[in-house]
N, C-alpha and C. Protein backbone atom coordinates (compact mmCIF):
# COMPACT_ATOMS: atom_id res chain seq x y z
N MET A 1 172.38 41.18 73.63
CA MET A 1 171.56 42.47 73.61
C MET A 1 171.70 43.06 72.19
N GLU A 2 172.85 42.87 71.47
CA GLU A 2 172.99 43.43 70.23
C GLU A 2 171.92 42.90 69.17
N GLN A 3 171.40 41.68 69.45
CA GLN A 3 170.44 41.29 68.45
C GLN A 3 169.10 41.95 68.60
N TYR A 4 168.84 42.68 69.64
CA TYR A 4 167.60 43.39 69.90
C TYR A 4 167.78 44.88 69.64
N GLU A 5 168.98 45.23 69.13
CA GLU A 5 169.15 46.64 68.95
C GLU A 5 168.23 47.37 68.13
N ASP A 6 167.98 46.81 66.88
CA ASP A 6 167.06 47.31 65.92
C ASP A 6 165.57 47.33 66.55
N ASP A 7 165.18 46.34 67.33
CA ASP A 7 163.81 46.37 67.85
C ASP A 7 163.79 47.43 68.89
N LEU A 8 164.80 47.58 69.74
CA LEU A 8 164.79 48.66 70.73
C LEU A 8 164.73 49.99 70.13
N ALA A 9 165.47 50.26 68.97
CA ALA A 9 165.46 51.56 68.36
C ALA A 9 164.11 51.79 67.81
N CYS A 10 163.33 50.87 67.23
CA CYS A 10 162.01 51.04 66.81
C CYS A 10 160.97 51.31 67.85
N VAL A 11 161.12 50.66 68.97
CA VAL A 11 160.33 50.92 70.13
C VAL A 11 160.54 52.32 70.64
N GLN A 12 161.76 52.70 70.76
CA GLN A 12 162.10 54.06 71.18
C GLN A 12 161.52 55.18 70.37
N ALA A 13 161.64 55.01 69.07
CA ALA A 13 161.16 55.94 68.12
C ALA A 13 159.65 55.94 68.25
N LEU A 14 158.95 54.87 68.39
CA LEU A 14 157.54 54.88 68.53
C LEU A 14 157.06 55.59 69.79
N MET A 15 157.74 55.29 70.87
CA MET A 15 157.44 56.00 72.17
C MET A 15 157.58 57.47 72.14
N MET A 16 158.68 57.87 71.32
CA MET A 16 158.87 59.40 71.16
C MET A 16 157.70 59.94 70.40
N ARG A 17 157.15 59.20 69.37
CA ARG A 17 156.09 59.80 68.59
C ARG A 17 154.73 59.80 69.46
N LEU A 18 154.64 58.88 70.34
CA LEU A 18 153.41 58.74 71.13
C LEU A 18 153.33 59.71 72.29
N ARG A 19 154.44 60.56 72.46
CA ARG A 19 154.33 61.57 73.47
C ARG A 19 153.37 62.62 73.24
N THR A 20 153.01 62.77 71.99
CA THR A 20 151.98 63.78 71.66
C THR A 20 150.52 63.27 72.13
N LEU A 21 149.74 64.05 72.55
CA LEU A 21 148.43 63.79 73.23
C LEU A 21 147.56 63.01 72.23
N LYS A 22 147.51 63.45 70.97
CA LYS A 22 146.60 62.82 70.03
C LYS A 22 147.07 61.42 69.75
N GLN A 23 148.41 61.14 69.57
CA GLN A 23 148.88 59.85 69.24
C GLN A 23 148.69 58.96 70.50
N SER A 24 148.91 59.48 71.76
CA SER A 24 148.77 58.73 72.90
C SER A 24 147.27 58.30 73.14
N ALA A 25 146.33 59.23 72.79
CA ALA A 25 144.91 58.83 72.83
C ALA A 25 144.58 57.82 71.96
N LYS A 26 145.07 57.77 70.74
CA LYS A 26 144.93 56.65 69.86
C LYS A 26 145.40 55.32 70.22
N LEU A 27 146.55 55.31 70.95
CA LEU A 27 147.03 54.07 71.50
C LEU A 27 146.20 53.56 72.65
N ARG A 28 145.69 54.54 73.41
CA ARG A 28 144.92 54.16 74.66
C ARG A 28 143.64 53.36 74.29
N LEU A 29 143.15 53.69 73.04
CA LEU A 29 141.92 53.06 72.57
C LEU A 29 142.20 51.43 72.33
N LYS A 30 143.40 51.21 71.87
CA LYS A 30 143.82 49.87 71.41
C LYS A 30 144.58 49.02 72.43
N SER A 31 145.21 49.67 73.49
CA SER A 31 146.05 48.94 74.34
C SER A 31 146.13 49.72 75.78
N SER A 32 146.75 49.08 76.77
CA SER A 32 146.83 49.79 78.02
C SER A 32 148.38 50.33 78.12
N LEU A 33 149.07 50.35 77.01
CA LEU A 33 150.41 50.90 77.11
C LEU A 33 150.47 52.43 77.18
N ARG A 34 151.39 52.95 77.80
CA ARG A 34 151.53 54.41 77.98
C ARG A 34 152.97 54.76 77.70
N PRO A 35 153.30 55.81 77.03
CA PRO A 35 154.66 56.28 76.75
C PRO A 35 155.18 56.86 78.12
N VAL A 36 156.47 56.67 78.41
CA VAL A 36 157.07 57.32 79.56
C VAL A 36 157.69 58.75 79.09
N ILE A 37 157.10 59.77 79.77
CA ILE A 37 157.55 61.06 79.45
C ILE A 37 158.72 61.55 80.31
């Protein structure tokens, strides 16, 4: 699990940024991913 720590931190930071409505809407245009609020 330690080898993925940096990747997990990046994903977590990205999901925190995508909680805003505008950023989430941009992501929706490119993918089916949704941040967990």
